[in-house]
Amino acid sequence: MARDIMKDDSVAKVIEEIGTGPACFTQGNIDDLRESLLKGGYTAAEAKAAQYAGTDAYTDLLRVMQIMRKHNLSPEAGAEVLKNIFQIKAGHW
């Protein structure tokens, strides 16, 4: 099912907009965000990301969250994007 979510047109637009390049966040940041996103939606995930305020990680994570919101991704689809974010950023998606 996760792979099916990742084939959705909205997800494809999100992946394209996120683009490739260096990631300024860690796997730990992503794990925290995914958990918050699945438990409390985008508002909870953005509040979790705020813990990293003033860092490059915060800027990069908030950008990804805003892109997912802009394309109306469900929290489940957003969590799948985050699960694969390092592959996406590396251009392997």
N, C-alpha and C. Protein backbone atom coordinates (compact mmCIF):
# COMPACT_ATOMS: atom_id res chain seq x y z
N MET A 1 0.81 -1.20 0.00
CA MET A 1 0.00 0.00 0.00
C MET A 1 0.86 1.27 0.00
N ALA A 2 1.95 1.26 0.73
CA ALA A 2 2.81 2.44 0.78
C ALA A 2 3.30 2.80 -0.62
N ARG A 3 3.64 1.81 -1.40
CA ARG A 3 4.12 2.07 -2.75
C ARG A 3 2.99 2.68 -3.59
N ASP A 4 1.74 2.24 -3.35
CA ASP A 4 0.60 2.81 -4.06
C ASP A 4 0.44 4.29 -3.73
N ILE A 5 0.60 4.63 -2.46
CA ILE A 5 0.52 6.04 -2.05
C ILE A 5 1.58 6.84 -2.79
N MET A 6 2.77 6.29 -2.89
CA MET A 6 3.88 7.00 -3.51
C MET A 6 3.70 7.16 -5.02
N LYS A 7 2.76 6.46 -5.62
CA LYS A 7 2.50 6.59 -7.06
C LYS A 7 1.40 7.62 -7.36
N ASP A 8 0.78 8.16 -6.33
CA ASP A 8 -0.28 9.15 -6.48
C ASP A 8 0.26 10.40 -7.18
N ASP A 9 -0.57 11.04 -8.01
CA ASP A 9 -0.16 12.24 -8.74
C ASP A 9 0.26 13.38 -7.81
N SER A 10 -0.48 13.56 -6.71
CA SER A 10 -0.13 14.62 -5.77
C SER A 10 1.23 14.36 -5.14
N VAL A 11 1.50 13.10 -4.83
CA VAL A 11 2.80 12.74 -4.25
C VAL A 11 3.90 12.99 -5.27
N ALA A 12 3.64 12.68 -6.52
CA ALA A 12 4.64 12.93 -7.57
C ALA A 12 4.97 14.41 -7.66
N LYS A 13 3.96 15.26 -7.54
CA LYS A 13 4.19 16.71 -7.56
C LYS A 13 5.01 17.15 -6.36
N VAL A 14 4.72 16.56 -5.21
CA VAL A 14 5.47 16.89 -3.99
C VAL A 14 6.93 16.49 -4.16
N ILE A 15 7.16 15.29 -4.65
CA ILE A 15 8.53 14.80 -4.85
C ILE A 15 9.28 15.70 -5.81
N GLU A 16 8.63 16.09 -6.89
CA GLU A 16 9.26 16.98 -7.86
C GLU A 16 9.60 18.34 -7.23
N GLU A 17 8.67 18.87 -6.44
CA GLU A 17 8.91 20.18 -5.83
C GLU A 17 9.98 20.12 -4.73
N ILE A 18 10.03 19.03 -3.99
CA ILE A 18 11.07 18.88 -2.97
C ILE A 18 12.43 18.89 -3.65
N GLY A 19 12.54 18.16 -4.75
CA GLY A 19 13.77 18.16 -5.53
C GLY A 19 14.91 17.39 -4.87
N THR A 20 16.04 17.49 -5.52
CA THR A 20 17.22 16.79 -5.04
C THR A 20 18.18 17.78 -4.39
N GLY A 21 19.15 17.25 -3.71
CA GLY A 21 20.14 18.09 -3.07
C GLY A 21 20.43 17.60 -1.67
N PRO A 22 21.31 18.30 -1.00
CA PRO A 22 21.67 17.87 0.35
C PRO A 22 20.49 18.02 1.32
N ALA A 23 20.41 17.10 2.25
CA ALA A 23 19.40 17.16 3.30
C ALA A 23 20.05 17.73 4.55
N CYS A 24 19.43 18.71 5.13
CA CYS A 24 19.97 19.37 6.33
C CYS A 24 19.38 18.78 7.60
N PHE A 25 18.81 17.59 7.52
CA PHE A 25 18.19 16.96 8.67
C PHE A 25 18.72 15.53 8.80
N THR A 26 18.44 14.93 9.95
CA THR A 26 18.92 13.58 10.23
C THR A 26 17.77 12.58 10.22
N GLN A 27 18.11 11.31 10.25
CA GLN A 27 17.08 10.27 10.33
C GLN A 27 16.26 10.44 11.60
N GLY A 28 16.91 10.85 12.68
CA GLY A 28 16.19 11.09 13.93
C GLY A 28 15.15 12.18 13.79
N ASN A 29 15.51 13.27 13.07
CA ASN A 29 14.55 14.35 12.82
C ASN A 29 13.34 13.81 12.06
N ILE A 30 13.61 13.00 11.05
CA ILE A 30 12.54 12.45 10.21
C ILE A 30 11.66 11.51 11.02
N ASP A 31 12.27 10.65 11.82
CA ASP A 31 11.49 9.72 12.64
C ASP A 31 10.56 10.48 13.58
N ASP A 32 11.07 11.54 14.22
CA ASP A 32 10.25 12.36 15.12
C ASP A 32 9.09 13.00 14.36
N LEU A 33 9.37 13.54 13.20
CA LEU A 33 8.34 14.19 12.40
C LEU A 33 7.28 13.21 11.92
N ARG A 34 7.71 12.05 11.44
CA ARG A 34 6.75 11.04 10.97
C ARG A 34 5.80 10.63 12.09
N GLU A 35 6.35 10.39 13.27
CA GLU A 35 5.53 9.99 14.41
C GLU A 35 4.51 11.08 14.74
N SER A 36 4.96 12.32 14.79
CA SER A 36 4.06 13.43 15.09
C SER A 36 3.01 13.60 14.00
N LEU A 37 3.41 13.46 12.76
CA LEU A 37 2.48 13.60 11.63
C LEU A 37 1.38 12.55 11.69
N LEU A 38 1.76 11.31 11.97
CA LEU A 38 0.77 10.24 12.02
C LEU A 38 -0.15 10.35 13.25
N LYS A 39 0.38 10.85 14.34
CA LYS A 39 -0.42 10.96 15.57
C LYS A 39 -1.28 12.21 15.61
N GLY A 40 -0.77 13.33 15.09
CA GLY A 40 -1.49 14.59 15.26
C GLY A 40 -1.64 15.45 14.03
N GLY A 41 -1.25 14.93 12.87
CA GLY A 41 -1.40 15.69 11.63
C GLY A 41 -0.29 16.72 11.44
N TYR A 42 -0.50 17.58 10.45
CA TYR A 42 0.53 18.55 10.07
C TYR A 42 0.82 19.57 11.17
N THR A 43 -0.18 19.98 11.90
CA THR A 43 0.04 20.97 12.96
C THR A 43 0.99 20.40 14.02
N ALA A 44 0.78 19.15 14.39
CA ALA A 44 1.65 18.50 15.39
C ALA A 44 3.06 18.33 14.84
N ALA A 45 3.16 17.95 13.57
CA ALA A 45 4.48 17.76 12.97
C ALA A 45 5.24 19.08 12.87
N GLU A 46 4.55 20.13 12.51
CA GLU A 46 5.21 21.44 12.43
C GLU A 46 5.63 21.93 13.81
N ALA A 47 4.83 21.62 14.83
CA ALA A 47 5.22 21.97 16.20
C ALA A 47 6.47 21.19 16.61
N LYS A 48 6.54 19.93 16.20
CA LYS A 48 7.73 19.11 16.49
C LYS A 48 8.94 19.68 15.77
N ALA A 49 8.76 20.09 14.53
CA ALA A 49 9.87 20.67 13.75
C ALA A 49 10.37 21.96 14.41
N ALA A 50 9.48 22.67 15.09
CA ALA A 50 9.86 23.93 15.73
C ALA A 50 10.93 23.73 16.81
N GLN A 51 11.08 22.50 17.28
CA GLN A 51 12.14 22.20 18.24
C GLN A 51 13.52 22.49 17.66
N TYR A 52 13.60 22.48 16.35
CA TYR A 52 14.87 22.70 15.66
C TYR A 52 15.01 24.13 15.15
N ALA A 53 14.15 25.03 15.65
CA ALA A 53 14.16 26.43 15.19
C ALA A 53 15.56 27.02 15.28
N GLY A 54 15.89 27.79 14.27
CA GLY A 54 17.20 28.43 14.22
C GLY A 54 18.27 27.56 13.57
N THR A 55 17.88 26.39 13.09
CA THR A 55 18.85 25.50 12.44
C THR A 55 18.47 25.30 10.98
N ASP A 56 19.42 24.83 10.20
CA ASP A 56 19.13 24.48 8.81
C ASP A 56 18.12 23.34 8.74
N ALA A 57 18.16 22.44 9.71
CA ALA A 57 17.22 21.32 9.73
C ALA A 57 15.79 21.85 9.79
N TYR A 58 15.55 22.84 10.64
CA TYR A 58 14.21 23.41 10.78
C TYR A 58 13.73 24.00 9.45
N THR A 59 14.58 24.77 8.82
CA THR A 59 14.23 25.41 7.56
C THR A 59 13.87 24.37 6.51
N ASP A 60 14.69 23.34 6.39
CA ASP A 60 14.48 22.29 5.40
C ASP A 60 13.24 21.46 5.72
N LEU A 61 13.06 21.09 6.98
CA LEU A 61 11.90 20.30 7.38
C LEU A 61 10.61 21.09 7.18
N LEU A 62 10.61 22.35 7.56
CA LEU A 62 9.41 23.17 7.40
C LEU A 62 9.06 23.33 5.92
N ARG A 63 10.06 23.48 5.08
CA ARG A 63 9.83 23.59 3.64
C ARG A 63 9.14 22.33 3.11
N VAL A 64 9.63 21.16 3.52
CA VAL A 64 9.03 19.90 3.07
C VAL A 64 7.59 19.81 3.57
N MET A 65 7.35 20.16 4.82
CA MET A 65 6.00 20.10 5.37
C MET A 65 5.06 21.06 4.63
N GLN A 66 5.53 22.25 4.30
CA GLN A 66 4.71 23.21 3.58
C GLN A 66 4.37 22.72 2.19
N ILE A 67 5.32 22.08 1.53
CA ILE A 67 5.05 21.53 0.19
C ILE A 67 3.99 20.43 0.29
N MET A 68 4.09 19.57 1.28
CA MET A 68 3.11 18.49 1.42
C MET A 68 1.73 19.06 1.71
N ARG A 69 1.65 20.08 2.56
CA ARG A 69 0.36 20.73 2.85
C ARG A 69 -0.22 21.38 1.60
N LYS A 70 0.62 22.08 0.86
CA LYS A 70 0.19 22.78 -0.36
C LYS A 70 -0.49 21.84 -1.34
N HIS A 71 0.00 20.60 -1.40
CA HIS A 71 -0.56 19.61 -2.33
C HIS A 71 -1.60 18.71 -1.66
N ASN A 72 -2.04 19.12 -0.46
CA ASN A 72 -3.12 18.42 0.26
C ASN A 72 -2.86 16.94 0.48
N LEU A 73 -1.61 16.60 0.79
CA LEU A 73 -1.30 15.21 1.09
C LEU A 73 -1.90 14.84 2.45
N SER A 74 -2.44 13.65 2.53
CA SER A 74 -2.93 13.16 3.81
C SER A 74 -1.73 12.95 4.73
N PRO A 75 -1.94 12.91 6.03
CA PRO A 75 -0.82 12.62 6.93
C PRO A 75 -0.14 11.29 6.62
N GLU A 76 -0.91 10.30 6.19
CA GLU A 76 -0.34 9.00 5.85
C GLU A 76 0.58 9.11 4.63
N ALA A 77 0.12 9.83 3.61
CA ALA A 77 0.95 10.02 2.42
C ALA A 77 2.18 10.85 2.76
N GLY A 78 1.99 11.88 3.59
CA GLY A 78 3.12 12.69 4.02
C GLY A 78 4.16 11.86 4.78
N ALA A 79 3.68 10.95 5.62
CA ALA A 79 4.60 10.08 6.37
C ALA A 79 5.39 9.18 5.43
N GLU A 80 4.77 8.73 4.35
CA GLU A 80 5.48 7.91 3.37
C GLU A 80 6.54 8.73 2.63
N VAL A 81 6.20 9.98 2.32
CA VAL A 81 7.19 10.86 1.69
C VAL A 81 8.38 11.03 2.63
N LEU A 82 8.10 11.29 3.91
CA LEU A 82 9.19 11.45 4.87
C LEU A 82 10.01 10.17 5.01
N LYS A 83 9.33 9.04 4.97
CA LYS A 83 10.03 7.75 5.07
C LYS A 83 11.06 7.59 3.96
N ASN A 84 10.76 8.16 2.81
CA ASN A 84 11.61 8.03 1.63
C ASN A 84 12.39 9.30 1.30
N ILE A 85 12.42 10.26 2.21
CA ILE A 85 12.97 11.58 1.91
C ILE A 85 14.43 11.55 1.50
N PHE A 86 15.23 10.67 2.08
CA PHE A 86 16.64 10.65 1.72
C PHE A 86 16.83 10.12 0.30
N GLN A 87 16.01 9.15 -0.11
CA GLN A 87 16.06 8.67 -1.50
C GLN A 87 15.59 9.77 -2.45
N ILE A 88 14.56 10.48 -2.05
CA ILE A 88 14.03 11.58 -2.86
C ILE A 88 15.11 12.65 -3.05
N LYS A 89 15.70 13.09 -1.94
CA LYS A 89 16.72 14.14 -2.00
C LYS A 89 17.95 13.69 -2.80
N ALA A 90 18.21 12.37 -2.80
CA ALA A 90 19.36 11.85 -3.55
C ALA A 90 19.04 11.64 -5.02
N GLY A 91 17.76 11.83 -5.41
CA GLY A 91 17.38 11.67 -6.81
C GLY A 91 17.14 10.22 -7.21
N HIS A 92 16.92 9.35 -6.23
CA HIS A 92 16.71 7.94 -6.51
C HIS A 92 15.24 7.54 -6.48
N TRP A 93 14.36 8.49 -6.67
CA TRP A 93 12.95 8.15 -6.66
C TRP A 93 12.36 8.31 -8.02
